[in-house]
PDB file of N, CA and C in Angstrom:
ATOM      1  N   MET A   1     -14.685  11.532  -2.143  1.00  0.00           N
ATOM      2  CA  MET A   1     -13.308  11.948  -2.284  1.00  0.00           C
ATOM      3  C   MET A   1     -13.286  13.256  -3.081  1.00  0.00           C
ATOM      4  N   PRO A   2     -12.551  14.242  -2.617  1.00  0.00           N
ATOM      5  CA  PRO A   2     -12.605  15.562  -3.232  1.00  0.00           C
ATOM      6  C   PRO A   2     -11.957  15.657  -4.598  1.00  0.00           C
ATOM      7  N   TYR A   3     -11.106  14.742  -4.985  1.00  0.00           N
ATOM      8  CA  TYR A   3     -10.390  14.865  -6.248  1.00  0.00           C
ATOM      9  C   TYR A   3     -11.119  14.219  -7.409  1.00  0.00           C
ATOM     10  N   VAL A   4     -12.294  13.675  -7.188  1.00  0.00           N
ATOM     11  CA  VAL A   4     -13.020  12.971  -8.243  1.00  0.00           C
ATOM     12  C   VAL A   4     -13.501  13.937  -9.313  1.00  0.00           C
ATOM     13  N   ASP A   5     -13.713  15.203  -8.949  1.00  0.00           N
ATOM     14  CA  ASP A   5     -14.321  16.153  -9.868  1.00  0.00           C
ATOM     15  C   ASP A   5     -13.354  16.832 -10.834  1.00  0.00           C
ATOM     16  N   TYR A   6     -12.055  16.697 -10.649  1.00  0.00           N
ATOM     17  CA  TYR A   6     -11.146  17.361 -11.561  1.00  0.00           C
ATOM     18  C   TYR A   6     -10.306  16.351 -12.330  1.00  0.00           C
ATOM     19  N   GLN A   7      -9.704  16.826 -13.398  1.00  0.00           N
ATOM     20  CA  GLN A   7      -8.902  15.980 -14.272  1.00  0.00           C
ATOM     21  C   GLN A   7      -7.600  15.596 -13.587  1.00  0.00           C
ATOM     22  N   VAL A   8      -7.304  14.319 -13.555  1.00  0.00           N
ATOM     23  CA  VAL A   8      -6.078  13.817 -12.956  1.00  0.00           C
ATOM     24  C   VAL A   8      -5.013  13.737 -14.038  1.00  0.00           C
ATOM     25  N   THR A   9      -3.835  14.293 -13.759  1.00  0.00           N
ATOM     26  CA  THR A   9      -2.762  14.325 -14.756  1.00  0.00           C
ATOM     27  C   THR A   9      -2.031  12.988 -14.821  1.00  0.00           C
ATOM     28  N   GLY A  10      -1.248  12.825 -15.839  1.00  0.00           N
ATOM     29  CA  GLY A  10      -0.439  11.618 -16.000  1.00  0.00           C
ATOM     30  C   GLY A  10       0.587  11.468 -14.888  1.00  0.00           C
ATOM     31  N   GLU A  11       1.177  12.576 -14.440  1.00  0.00           N
ATOM     32  CA  GLU A  11       2.154  12.528 -13.355  1.00  0.00           C
ATOM     33  C   GLU A  11       1.493  12.057 -12.062  1.00  0.00           C
ATOM     34  N   GLN A  12       0.294  12.558 -11.795  1.00  0.00           N
ATOM     35  CA  GLN A  12      -0.428  12.141 -10.598  1.00  0.00           C
ATOM     36  C   GLN A  12      -0.723  10.640 -10.645  1.00  0.00           C
ATOM     37  N   LYS A  13      -1.153  10.172 -11.794  1.00  0.00           N
ATOM     38  CA  LYS A  13      -1.443   8.739 -11.951  1.00  0.00           C
ATOM     39  C   LYS A  13      -0.178   7.916 -11.751  1.00  0.00           C
ATOM     40  N   LEU A  14       0.937   8.371 -12.337  1.00  0.00           N
ATOM     41  CA  LEU A  14       2.196   7.644 -12.228  1.00  0.00           C
ATOM     42  C   LEU A  14       2.656   7.537 -10.779  1.00  0.00           C
ATOM     43  N   LEU A  15       2.578   8.631 -10.034  1.00  0.00           N
ATOM     44  CA  LEU A  15       2.989   8.604  -8.628  1.00  0.00           C
ATOM     45  C   LEU A  15       2.085   7.694  -7.802  1.00  0.00           C
ATOM     46  N   ALA A  16       0.787   7.728  -8.066  1.00  0.00           N
ATOM     47  CA  ALA A  16      -0.147   6.856  -7.338  1.00  0.00           C
ATOM     48  C   ALA A  16       0.134   5.393  -7.659  1.00  0.00           C
ATOM     49  N   ILE A  17       0.370   5.097  -8.913  1.00  0.00           N
ATOM     50  CA  ILE A  17       0.677   3.721  -9.321  1.00  0.00           C
ATOM     51  C   ILE A  17       1.992   3.267  -8.681  1.00  0.00           C
ATOM     52  N   LEU A  18       2.998   4.136  -8.681  1.00  0.00           N
ATOM     53  CA  LEU A  18       4.283   3.792  -8.060  1.00  0.00           C
ATOM     54  C   LEU A  18       4.103   3.484  -6.578  1.00  0.00           C
ATOM     55  N   ALA A  19       3.276   4.245  -5.898  1.00  0.00           N
ATOM     56  CA  ALA A  19       3.039   3.991  -4.473  1.00  0.00           C
ATOM     57  C   ALA A  19       2.436   2.604  -4.264  1.00  0.00           C
ATOM     58  N   HIS A  20       1.488   2.236  -5.092  1.00  0.00           N
ATOM     59  CA  HIS A  20       0.831   0.939  -4.940  1.00  0.00           C
ATOM     60  C   HIS A  20       1.731  -0.229  -5.349  1.00  0.00           C
ATOM     61  N   LEU A  21       2.512  -0.045  -6.383  1.00  0.00           N
ATOM     62  CA  LEU A  21       3.310  -1.155  -6.920  1.00  0.00           C
ATOM     63  C   LEU A  21       4.743  -1.159  -6.390  1.00  0.00           C
ATOM     64  N   ALA A  22       4.996  -0.458  -5.323  1.00  0.00           N
ATOM     65  CA  ALA A  22       6.335  -0.404  -4.743  1.00  0.00           C
ATOM     66  C   ALA A  22       6.787  -1.769  -4.233  1.00  0.00           C
ATOM     67  N   TYR A  23       5.872  -2.732  -4.152  1.00  0.00           N
ATOM     68  CA  TYR A  23       6.254  -4.101  -3.787  1.00  0.00           C
ATOM     69  C   TYR A  23       7.377  -4.604  -4.684  1.00  0.00           C
ATOM     70  N   PHE A  24       7.329  -4.199  -5.924  1.00  0.00           N
ATOM     71  CA  PHE A  24       8.262  -4.729  -6.907  1.00  0.00           C
ATOM     72  C   PHE A  24       9.621  -4.037  -6.873  1.00  0.00           C
ATOM     73  N   LEU A  25       9.800  -3.052  -5.979  1.00  0.00           N
ATOM     74  CA  LEU A  25      11.102  -2.408  -5.822  1.00  0.00           C
ATOM     75  C   LEU A  25      12.060  -3.268  -5.027  1.00  0.00           C
ATOM     76  N   GLY A  26      11.509  -4.169  -4.239  1.00  0.00           N
ATOM     77  CA  GLY A  26      12.336  -5.057  -3.432  1.00  0.00           C
ATOM     78  C   GLY A  26      12.854  -4.379  -2.182  1.00  0.00           C
ATOM     79  N   GLY A  27      13.329  -5.183  -1.268  1.00  0.00           N
ATOM     80  CA  GLY A  27      13.869  -4.667  -0.015  1.00  0.00           C
ATOM     81  C   GLY A  27      12.865  -3.806   0.731  1.00  0.00           C
ATOM     82  N   ILE A  28      13.375  -2.822   1.428  1.00  0.00           N
ATOM     83  CA  ILE A  28      12.528  -1.928   2.205  1.00  0.00           C
ATOM     84  C   ILE A  28      11.920  -0.832   1.322  1.00  0.00           C
ATOM     85  N   GLY A  29      12.273  -0.822   0.038  1.00  0.00           N
ATOM     86  CA  GLY A  29      11.737   0.163  -0.902  1.00  0.00           C
ATOM     87  C   GLY A  29      10.224   0.145  -1.004  1.00  0.00           C
ATOM     88  N   PHE A  30       9.627  -1.001  -0.679  1.00  0.00           N
ATOM     89  CA  PHE A  30       8.174  -1.072  -0.786  1.00  0.00           C
ATOM     90  C   PHE A  30       7.480  -0.239   0.294  1.00  0.00           C
ATOM     91  N   VAL A  31       8.212   0.180   1.318  1.00  0.00           N
ATOM     92  CA  VAL A  31       7.659   1.090   2.328  1.00  0.00           C
ATOM     93  C   VAL A  31       8.173   2.508   2.088  1.00  0.00           C
ATOM     94  N   ILE A  32       9.423   2.640   1.667  1.00  0.00           N
ATOM     95  CA  ILE A  32      10.042   3.959   1.473  1.00  0.00           C
ATOM     96  C   ILE A  32       9.354   4.730   0.346  1.00  0.00           C
ATOM     97  N   ALA A  33       9.078   4.078  -0.776  1.00  0.00           N
ATOM     98  CA  ALA A  33       8.487   4.783  -1.920  1.00  0.00           C
ATOM     99  C   ALA A  33       7.137   5.411  -1.572  1.00  0.00           C
ATOM    100  N   PRO A  34       6.170   4.655  -1.018  1.00  0.00           N
ATOM    101  CA  PRO A  34       4.909   5.319  -0.686  1.00  0.00           C
ATOM    102  C   PRO A  34       5.063   6.364   0.422  1.00  0.00           C
ATOM    103  N   LEU A  35       6.025   6.164   1.338  1.00  0.00           N
ATOM    104  CA  LEU A  35       6.251   7.140   2.403  1.00  0.00           C
ATOM    105  C   LEU A  35       6.746   8.462   1.829  1.00  0.00           C
ATOM    106  N   VAL A  36       7.702   8.403   0.919  1.00  0.00           N
ATOM    107  CA  VAL A  36       8.228   9.619   0.295  1.00  0.00           C
ATOM    108  C   VAL A  36       7.130  10.335  -0.495  1.00  0.00           C
ATOM    109  N   ILE A  37       6.370   9.578  -1.260  1.00  0.00           N
ATOM    110  CA  ILE A  37       5.273  10.168  -2.036  1.00  0.00           C
ATOM    111  C   ILE A  37       4.235  10.777  -1.095  1.00  0.00           C
ATOM    112  N   PHE A  38       3.920  10.062  -0.023  1.00  0.00           N
ATOM    113  CA  PHE A  38       2.949  10.533   0.973  1.00  0.00           C
ATOM    114  C   PHE A  38       3.389  11.858   1.579  1.00  0.00           C
ATOM    115  N   ILE A  39       4.668  11.976   1.916  1.00  0.00           N
ATOM    116  CA  ILE A  39       5.193  13.189   2.547  1.00  0.00           C
ATOM    117  C   ILE A  39       5.271  14.349   1.552  1.00  0.00           C
ATOM    118  N   LEU A  40       5.731  14.065   0.333  1.00  0.00           N
ATOM    119  CA  LEU A  40       5.965  15.142  -0.636  1.00  0.00           C
ATOM    120  C   LEU A  40       4.695  15.631  -1.330  1.00  0.00           C
ATOM    121  N   LYS A  41       3.646  14.832  -1.342  1.00  0.00           N
ATOM    122  CA  LYS A  41       2.447  15.200  -2.104  1.00  0.00           C
ATOM    123  C   LYS A  41       1.228  15.465  -1.224  1.00  0.00           C
ATOM    124  N   LYS A  42       1.443  16.071  -0.063  1.00  0.00           N
ATOM    125  CA  LYS A  42       0.324  16.376   0.837  1.00  0.00           C
ATOM    126  C   LYS A  42      -0.662  17.359   0.227  1.00  0.00           C
ATOM    127  N   ASP A  43      -0.196  18.186  -0.715  1.00  0.00           N
ATOM    128  CA  ASP A  43      -1.066  19.181  -1.342  1.00  0.00           C
ATOM    129  C   ASP A  43      -1.868  18.617  -2.515  1.00  0.00           C
ATOM    130  N   ASP A  44      -1.635  17.388  -2.886  1.00  0.00           N
ATOM    131  CA  ASP A  44      -2.338  16.756  -4.005  1.00  0.00           C
ATOM    132  C   ASP A  44      -3.239  15.651  -3.459  1.00  0.00           C
ATOM    133  N   PRO A  45      -4.541  15.899  -3.342  1.00  0.00           N
ATOM    134  CA  PRO A  45      -5.429  14.915  -2.705  1.00  0.00           C
ATOM    135  C   PRO A  45      -5.442  13.551  -3.390  1.00  0.00           C
ATOM    136  N   PHE A  46      -5.339  13.504  -4.698  1.00  0.00           N
ATOM    137  CA  PHE A  46      -5.371  12.231  -5.419  1.00  0.00           C
ATOM    138  C   PHE A  46      -4.157  11.381  -5.070  1.00  0.00           C
ATOM    139  N   VAL A  47      -2.973  11.948  -5.244  1.00  0.00           N
ATOM    140  CA  VAL A  47      -1.732  11.216  -4.977  1.00  0.00           C
ATOM    141  C   VAL A  47      -1.606  10.919  -3.484  1.00  0.00           C
ATOM    142  N   TYR A  48      -1.925  11.886  -2.653  1.00  0.00           N
ATOM    143  CA  TYR A  48      -1.816  11.732  -1.204  1.00  0.00           C
ATOM    144  C   TYR A  48      -2.679  10.571  -0.712  1.00  0.00           C
ATOM    145  N   ASP A  49      -3.916  10.516  -1.168  1.00  0.00           N
ATOM    146  CA  ASP A  49      -4.818   9.447  -0.719  1.00  0.00           C
ATOM    147  C   ASP A  49      -4.333   8.075  -1.188  1.00  0.00           C
ATOM    148  N   HIS A  50      -3.900   7.975  -2.431  1.00  0.00           N
ATOM    149  CA  HIS A  50      -3.390   6.697  -2.927  1.00  0.00           C
ATOM    150  C   HIS A  50      -2.115   6.290  -2.176  1.00  0.00           C
ATOM    151  N   ALA A  51      -1.221   7.250  -1.932  1.00  0.00           N
ATOM    152  CA  ALA A  51       0.016   6.945  -1.211  1.00  0.00           C
ATOM    153  C   ALA A  51      -0.280   6.531   0.229  1.00  0.00           C
ATOM    154  N   LYS A  52      -1.260   7.170   0.848  1.00  0.00           N
ATOM    155  CA  LYS A  52      -1.626   6.818   2.222  1.00  0.00           C
ATOM    156  C   LYS A  52      -2.180   5.399   2.286  1.00  0.00           C
ATOM    157  N   GLN A  53      -3.043   5.045   1.355  1.00  0.00           N
ATOM    158  CA  GLN A  53      -3.586   3.693   1.309  1.00  0.00           C
ATOM    159  C   GLN A  53      -2.463   2.675   1.138  1.00  0.00           C
ATOM    160  N   ALA A  54      -1.573   2.933   0.183  1.00  0.00           N
ATOM    161  CA  ALA A  54      -0.469   2.010  -0.087  1.00  0.00           C
ATOM    162  C   ALA A  54       0.482   1.919   1.098  1.00  0.00           C
ATOM    163  N   LEU A  55       0.793   3.047   1.712  1.00  0.00           N
ATOM    164  CA  LEU A  55       1.719   3.058   2.836  1.00  0.00           C
ATOM    165  C   LEU A  55       1.198   2.213   3.991  1.00  0.00           C
ATOM    166  N   VAL A  56      -0.053   2.380   4.337  1.00  0.00           N
ATOM    167  CA  VAL A  56      -0.624   1.598   5.439  1.00  0.00           C
ATOM    168  C   VAL A  56      -0.601   0.110   5.100  1.00  0.00           C
ATOM    169  N   ALA A  57      -1.001  -0.244   3.886  1.00  0.00           N
ATOM    170  CA  ALA A  57      -1.008  -1.657   3.485  1.00  0.00           C
ATOM    171  C   ALA A  57       0.403  -2.242   3.537  1.00  0.00           C
ATOM    172  N   HIS A  58       1.380  -1.504   3.043  1.00  0.00           N
ATOM    173  CA  HIS A  58       2.749  -2.010   2.993  1.00  0.00           C
ATOM    174  C   HIS A  58       3.350  -2.124   4.389  1.00  0.00           C
ATOM    175  N   VAL A  59       3.072  -1.140   5.246  1.00  0.00           N
ATOM    176  CA  VAL A  59       3.591  -1.200   6.616  1.00  0.00           C
ATOM    177  C   VAL A  59       2.964  -2.366   7.374  1.00  0.00           C
ATOM    178  N   LEU A  60       1.669  -2.581   7.198  1.00  0.00           N
ATOM    179  CA  LEU A  60       1.025  -3.707   7.869  1.00  0.00           C
ATOM    180  C   LEU A  60       1.609  -5.044   7.422  1.00  0.00           C
ATOM    181  N   LEU A  61       1.896  -5.173   6.136  1.00  0.00           N
ATOM    182  CA  LEU A  61       2.521  -6.400   5.649  1.00  0.00           C
ATOM    183  C   LEU A  61       3.929  -6.553   6.219  1.00  0.00           C
ATOM    184  N   LEU A  62       4.663  -5.457   6.319  1.00  0.00           N
ATOM    185  CA  LEU A  62       6.001  -5.507   6.908  1.00  0.00           C
ATOM    186  C   LEU A  62       5.941  -5.929   8.376  1.00  0.00           C
ATOM    187  N   VAL A  63       5.000  -5.356   9.129  1.00  0.00           N
ATOM    188  CA  VAL A  63       4.853  -5.712  10.543  1.00  0.00           C
ATOM    189  C   VAL A  63       4.487  -7.182  10.683  1.00  0.00           C
ATOM    190  N   ALA A  64       3.549  -7.658   9.867  1.00  0.00           N
ATOM    191  CA  ALA A  64       3.166  -9.070   9.927  1.00  0.00           C
ATOM    192  C   ALA A  64       4.358  -9.963   9.605  1.00  0.00           C
ATOM    193  N   SER A  65       5.169  -9.567   8.636  1.00  0.00           N
ATOM    194  CA  SER A  65       6.349 -10.355   8.269  1.00  0.00           C
ATOM    195  C   SER A  65       7.366 -10.406   9.400  1.00  0.00           C
ATOM    196  N   VAL A  66       7.576  -9.282  10.047  1.00  0.00           N
ATOM    197  CA  VAL A  66       8.526  -9.238  11.159  1.00  0.00           C
ATOM    198  C   VAL A  66       8.033 -10.100  12.318  1.00  0.00           C
ATOM    199  N   VAL A  67       6.749 -10.003  12.631  1.00  0.00           N
ATOM    200  CA  VAL A  67       6.183 -10.801  13.726  1.00  0.00           C
ATOM    201  C   VAL A  67       6.328 -12.290  13.435  1.00  0.00           C
ATOM    202  N   VAL A  68       5.982 -12.711  12.228  1.00  0.00           N
ATOM    203  CA  VAL A  68       6.100 -14.129  11.873  1.00  0.00           C
ATOM    204  C   VAL A  68       7.564 -14.556  11.893  1.00  0.00           C
ATOM    205  N   SER A  69       8.453 -13.697  11.413  1.00  0.00           N
ATOM    206  CA  SER A  69       9.884 -14.039  11.432  1.00  0.00           C
ATOM    207  C   SER A  69      10.393 -14.230  12.850  1.00  0.00           C
ATOM    208  N   LEU A  70       9.988 -13.339  13.735  1.00  0.00           N
ATOM    209  CA  LEU A  70      10.404 -13.479  15.129  1.00  0.00           C
ATOM    210  C   LEU A  70       9.820 -14.743  15.763  1.00  0.00           C
ATOM    211  N   LEU A  71       8.587 -15.047  15.428  1.00  0.00           N
ATOM    212  CA  LEU A  71       7.967 -16.255  15.970  1.00  0.00           C
ATOM    213  C   LEU A  71       8.589 -17.528  15.403  1.00  0.00           C
ATOM    214  N   CYS A  72       9.212 -17.432  14.250  1.00  0.00           N
ATOM    215  CA  CYS A  72       9.898 -18.603  13.688  1.00  0.00           C
ATOM    216  C   CYS A  72      11.045 -19.044  14.590  1.00  0.00           C
ATOM    217  N   PHE A  73      11.647 -18.099  15.304  1.00  0.00           N
ATOM    218  CA  PHE A  73      12.702 -18.473  16.243  1.00  0.00           C
ATOM    219  C   PHE A  73      12.164 -19.342  17.372  1.00  0.00           C
ATOM    220  N   LEU A  74      10.899 -19.169  17.666  1.00  0.00           N
ATOM    221  CA  LEU A  74      10.256 -19.970  18.717  1.00  0.00           C
ATOM    222  C   LEU A  74       9.572 -21.213  18.139  1.00  0.00           C
ATOM    223  N   LEU A  75       9.756 -21.430  16.856  1.00  0.00           N
ATOM    224  CA  LEU A  75       9.173 -22.547  16.114  1.00  0.00           C
ATOM    225  C   LEU A  75       7.654 -22.459  15.974  1.00  0.00           C
ATOM    226  N   ILE A  76       7.054 -21.430  16.532  1.00  0.00           N
ATOM    227  CA  ILE A  76       5.615 -21.229  16.368  1.00  0.00           C
ATOM    228  C   ILE A  76       5.334 -20.581  15.014  1.00  0.00           C
ATOM    229  N   GLY A  77       6.230 -19.702  14.585  1.00  0.00           N
ATOM    230  CA  GLY A  77       6.039 -18.935  13.366  1.00  0.00           C
ATOM    231  C   GLY A  77       5.945 -19.765  12.104  1.00  0.00           C
ATOM    232  N   PHE A  78       6.544 -20.949  12.112  1.00  0.00           N
ATOM    233  CA  PHE A  78       6.485 -21.790  10.917  1.00  0.00           C
ATOM    234  C   PHE A  78       5.050 -22.150  10.560  1.00  0.00           C
ATOM    235  N   LEU A  79       4.191 -22.214  11.562  1.00  0.00           N
ATOM    236  CA  LEU A  79       2.779 -22.493  11.310  1.00  0.00           C
ATOM    237  C   LEU A  79       2.072 -21.291  10.685  1.00  0.00           C
ATOM    238  N   LEU A  80       2.640 -20.094  10.884  1.00  0.00           N
ATOM    239  CA  LEU A  80       2.025 -18.877  10.364  1.00  0.00           C
ATOM    240  C   LEU A  80       2.528 -18.487   8.974  1.00  0.00           C
ATOM    241  N   ILE A  81       3.548 -19.145   8.491  1.00  0.00           N
ATOM    242  CA  ILE A  81       4.103 -18.793   7.177  1.00  0.00           C
ATOM    243  C   ILE A  81       3.054 -18.912   6.064  1.00  0.00           C
ATOM    244  N   PRO A  82       2.239 -19.969   6.023  1.00  0.00           N
ATOM    245  CA  PRO A  82       1.200 -20.007   4.974  1.00  0.00           C
ATOM    246  C   PRO A  82       0.205 -18.848   5.092  1.00  0.00           C
ATOM    247  N   VAL A  83      -0.118 -18.450   6.307  1.00  0.00           N
ATOM    248  CA  VAL A  83      -1.025 -17.317   6.508  1.00  0.00           C
ATOM    249  C   VAL A  83      -0.375 -16.036   5.993  1.00  0.00           C
ATOM    250  N   LEU A  84       0.897 -15.863   6.281  1.00  0.00           N
ATOM    251  CA  LEU A  84       1.621 -14.693   5.805  1.00  0.00           C
ATOM    252  C   LEU A  84       1.696 -14.674   4.279  1.00  0.00           C
ATOM    253  N   LEU A  85       1.916 -15.810   3.670  1.00  0.00           N
ATOM    254  CA  LEU A  85       1.959 -15.881   2.204  1.00  0.00           C
ATOM    255  C   LEU A  85       0.613 -15.519   1.592  1.00  0.00           C
ATOM    256  N   ILE A  86      -0.467 -15.978   2.202  1.00  0.00           N
ATOM    257  CA  ILE A  86      -1.806 -15.640   1.708  1.00  0.00           C
ATOM    258  C   ILE A  86      -2.053 -14.145   1.875  1.00  0.00           C
ATOM    259  N   LEU A  87      -1.657 -13.602   3.025  1.00  0.00           N
ATOM    260  CA  LEU A  87      -1.811 -12.167   3.262  1.00  0.00           C
ATOM    261  C   LEU A  87      -1.019 -11.361   2.235  1.00  0.00           C
ATOM    262  N   ALA A  88       0.206 -11.769   1.963  1.00  0.00           N
ATOM    263  CA  ALA A  88       1.033 -11.077   0.976  1.00  0.00           C
ATOM    264  C   ALA A  88       0.396 -11.154  -0.408  1.00  0.00           C
ATOM    265  N   LEU A  89      -0.134 -12.304  -0.762  1.00  0.00           N
ATOM    266  CA  LEU A  89      -0.798 -12.455  -2.062  1.00  0.00           C
ATOM    267  C   LEU A  89      -2.012 -11.546  -2.161  1.00  0.00           C
ATOM    268  N   ILE A  90      -2.788 -11.471  -1.093  1.00  0.00           N
ATOM    269  CA  ILE A  90      -3.962 -10.590  -1.077  1.00  0.00           C
ATOM    270  C   ILE A  90      -3.533  -9.136  -1.251  1.00  0.00           C
ATOM    271  N   PHE A  91      -2.484  -8.718  -0.546  1.00  0.00           N
ATOM    272  CA  PHE A  91      -2.029  -7.336  -0.665  1.00  0.00           C
ATOM    273  C   PHE A  91      -1.468  -7.044  -2.054  1.00  0.00           C
ATOM    274  N   VAL A  92      -0.790  -7.985  -2.668  1.00  0.00           N
ATOM    275  CA  VAL A  92      -0.275  -7.759  -4.022  1.00  0.00           C
ATOM    276  C   VAL A  92      -1.436  -7.642  -5.012  1.00  0.00           C
ATOM    277  N   ILE A  93      -2.430  -8.502  -4.882  1.00  0.00           N
ATOM    278  CA  ILE A  93      -3.596  -8.438  -5.776  1.00  0.00           C
ATOM    279  C   ILE A  93      -4.334  -7.117  -5.592  1.00  0.00           C
ATOM    280  N   THR A  94      -4.553  -6.717  -4.335  1.00  0.00           N
ATOM    281  CA  THR A  94      -5.259  -5.452  -4.107  1.00  0.00           C
ATOM    282  C   THR A  94      -4.413  -4.260  -4.558  1.00  0.00           C
ATOM    283  N   SER A  95      -3.095  -4.368  -4.484  1.00  0.00           N
ATOM    284  CA  SER A  95      -2.227  -3.301  -4.992  1.00  0.00           C
ATOM    285  C   SER A  95      -2.353  -3.172  -6.503  1.00  0.00           C
ATOM    286  N   LEU A  96      -2.444  -4.297  -7.185  1.00  0.00           N
ATOM    287  CA  LEU A  96      -2.639  -4.259  -8.641  1.00  0.00           C
ATOM    288  C   LEU A  96      -3.982  -3.633  -8.993  1.00  0.00           C
ATOM    289  N   ILE A  97      -5.011  -3.971  -8.241  1.00  0.00           N
ATOM    290  CA  ILE A  97      -6.327  -3.366  -8.464  1.00  0.00           C
ATOM    291  C   ILE A  97      -6.254  -1.859  -8.206  1.00  0.00           C
ATOM    292  N   ALA A  98      -5.569  -1.473  -7.125  1.00  0.00           N
ATOM    293  CA  ALA A  98      -5.420  -0.055  -6.798  1.00  0.00           C
ATOM    294  C   ALA A  98      -4.658   0.690  -7.895  1.00  0.00           C
ATOM    295  N   ALA A  99      -3.640   0.058  -8.457  1.00  0.00           N
ATOM    296  CA  ALA A  99      -2.878   0.683  -9.536  1.00  0.00           C
ATOM    297  C   ALA A  99      -3.755   0.908 -10.769  1.00  0.00           C
ATOM    298  N   VAL A 100      -4.599  -0.040 -11.077  1.00  0.00           N
ATOM    299  CA  VAL A 100      -5.510   0.112 -12.212  1.00  0.00           C
ATOM    300  C   VAL A 100      -6.491   1.250 -11.942  1.00  0.00           C
ATOM    301  N   ARG A 101      -6.996   1.311 -10.703  1.00  0.00           N
ATOM    302  CA  ARG A 101      -7.905   2.413 -10.347  1.00  0.00           C
ATOM    303  C   ARG A 101      -7.181   3.753 -10.465  1.00  0.00           C
ATOM    304  N   ALA A 102      -5.926   3.818 -10.020  1.00  0.00           N
ATOM    305  CA  ALA A 102      -5.152   5.056 -10.129  1.00  0.00           C
ATOM    306  C   ALA A 102      -4.949   5.428 -11.593  1.00  0.00           C
ATOM    307  N   LEU A 103      -4.682   4.446 -12.427  1.00  0.00           N
ATOM    308  CA  LEU A 103      -4.520   4.689 -13.859  1.00  0.00           C
ATOM    309  C   LEU A 103      -5.783   5.270 -14.468  1.00  0.00           C
ATOM    310  N   ASP A 104      -6.933   4.835 -13.956  1.00  0.00           N
ATOM    311  CA  ASP A 104      -8.217   5.359 -14.426  1.00  0.00           C
ATOM    312  C   ASP A 104      -8.577   6.694 -13.781  1.00  0.00           C
ATOM    313  N   GLY A 105      -7.734   7.165 -12.823  1.00  0.00           N
ATOM    314  CA  GLY A 105      -8.004   8.417 -12.140  1.00  0.00           C
ATOM    315  C   GLY A 105      -9.088   8.303 -11.080  1.00  0.00           C
ATOM    316  N   ARG A 106      -9.272   7.089 -10.574  1.00  0.00           N
ATOM    317  CA  ARG A 106     -10.334   6.831  -9.590  1.00  0.00           C
ATOM    318  C   ARG A 106      -9.730   6.511  -8.229  1.00  0.00           C
ATOM    319  N   PRO A 107     -10.493   6.749  -7.172  1.00  0.00           N
ATOM    320  CA  PRO A 107     -10.008   6.414  -5.825  1.00  0.00           C
ATOM    321  C   PRO A 107     -10.032   4.912  -5.584  1.00  0.00           C
ATOM    322  N   TYR A 108      -9.300   4.475  -4.576  1.00  0.00           N
ATOM    323  CA  TYR A 108      -9.315   3.071  -4.180  1.00  0.00           C
ATOM    324  C   TYR A 108      -9.098   2.984  -2.678  1.00  0.00           C
ATOM    325  N   ALA A 109      -9.798   2.074  -2.054  1.00  0.00           N
ATOM    326  CA  ALA A 109      -9.633   1.824  -0.620  1.00  0.00           C
ATOM    327  C   ALA A 109      -9.336   0.342  -0.431  1.00  0.00           C
ATOM    328  N   TYR A 110      -8.195   0.051   0.172  1.00  0.00           N
ATOM    329  CA  TYR A 110      -7.834  -1.343   0.445  1.00  0.00           C
ATOM    330  C   TYR A 110      -8.849  -1.941   1.413  1.00  0.00           C
ATOM    331  N   PRO A 111      -9.215  -3.191   1.216  1.00  0.00           N
ATOM    332  CA  PRO A 111     -10.155  -3.817   2.150  1.00  0.00           C
ATOM    333  C   PRO A 111      -9.495  -4.091   3.505  1.00  0.00           C
ATOM    334  N   PHE A 112     -10.265  -4.057   4.545  1.00  0.00           N
ATOM    335  CA  PHE A 112      -9.888  -4.449   5.907  1.00  0.00           C
ATOM    336  C   PHE A 112      -9.000  -3.462   6.662  1.00  0.00           C
ATOM    337  N   ILE A 113      -8.482  -2.427   6.025  1.00  0.00           N
ATOM    338  CA  ILE A 113      -7.541  -1.545   6.735  1.00  0.00           C
ATOM    339  C   ILE A 113      -8.050  -0.123   6.850  1.00  0.00           C
ATOM    340  N   GLN A 114      -9.282   0.148   6.490  1.00  0.00           N
ATOM    341  CA  GLN A 114      -9.761   1.522   6.431  1.00  0.00           C
ATOM    342  C   GLN A 114      -9.794   2.222   7.783  1.00  0.00           C
ATOM    343  N   ARG A 115     -10.025   1.505   8.850  1.00  0.00           N
ATOM    344  CA  ARG A 115     -10.034   2.136  10.178  1.00  0.00           C
ATOM    345  C   ARG A 115      -8.654   2.720  10.485  1.00  0.00           C
ATOM    346  N   ILE A 116      -7.607   2.008  10.107  1.00  0.00           N
ATOM    347  CA  ILE A 116      -6.248   2.500  10.322  1.00  0.00           C
ATOM    348  C   ILE A 116      -5.944   3.666   9.369  1.00  0.00           C
ATOM    349  N   VAL A 117      -6.333   3.529   8.118  1.00  0.00           N
ATOM    350  CA  VAL A 117      -6.087   4.583   7.138  1.00  0.00           C
ATOM    351  C   VAL A 117      -6.784   5.872   7.560  1.00  0.00           C
ATOM    352  N   ASN A 118      -7.993   5.774   8.057  1.00  0.00           N
ATOM    353  CA  ASN A 118      -8.754   6.973   8.437  1.00  0.00           C
ATOM    354  C   ASN A 118      -8.150   7.691   9.637  1.00  0.00           C
ATOM    355  N   LYS A 119      -7.367   7.000  10.455  1.00  0.00           N
ATOM    356  CA  LYS A 119      -6.732   7.630  11.617  1.00  0.00           C
ATOM    357  C   LYS A 119      -5.514   8.466  11.231  1.00  0.00           C
ATOM    358  N   ILE A 120      -4.994   8.253  10.030  1.00  0.00           N
ATOM    359  CA  ILE A 120      -3.795   8.992   9.593  1.00  0.00           C
ATOM    360  C   ILE A 120      -4.211  10.288   8.934  1.00  0.00           C
TER     361      ILE A 120
END
């Protein structure tokens, strides 16, 4: 990662942490916050990379939630609710880890989604 060699500022860390912890904003804010940061900070490799990781993770969780919700209408989705809860818990835990890495000024890559992240 190209930003490892220079000093990361407090503002950069704060924006990266906000992107990862946007889960706690509630509503659709958990996708909007990393998207806004991702768009506005394209010139900052540290913030951009953290926002991109968070955005992909949050969008994937949103898509999984919508799919399970739609399947609940067919009564099939109720069987997937525990899987969705486990997935959400995993993403929240990895977001907390990512926030700590951002606080330390270090890069972080969410597990299992790197192929999608690399395409963006």
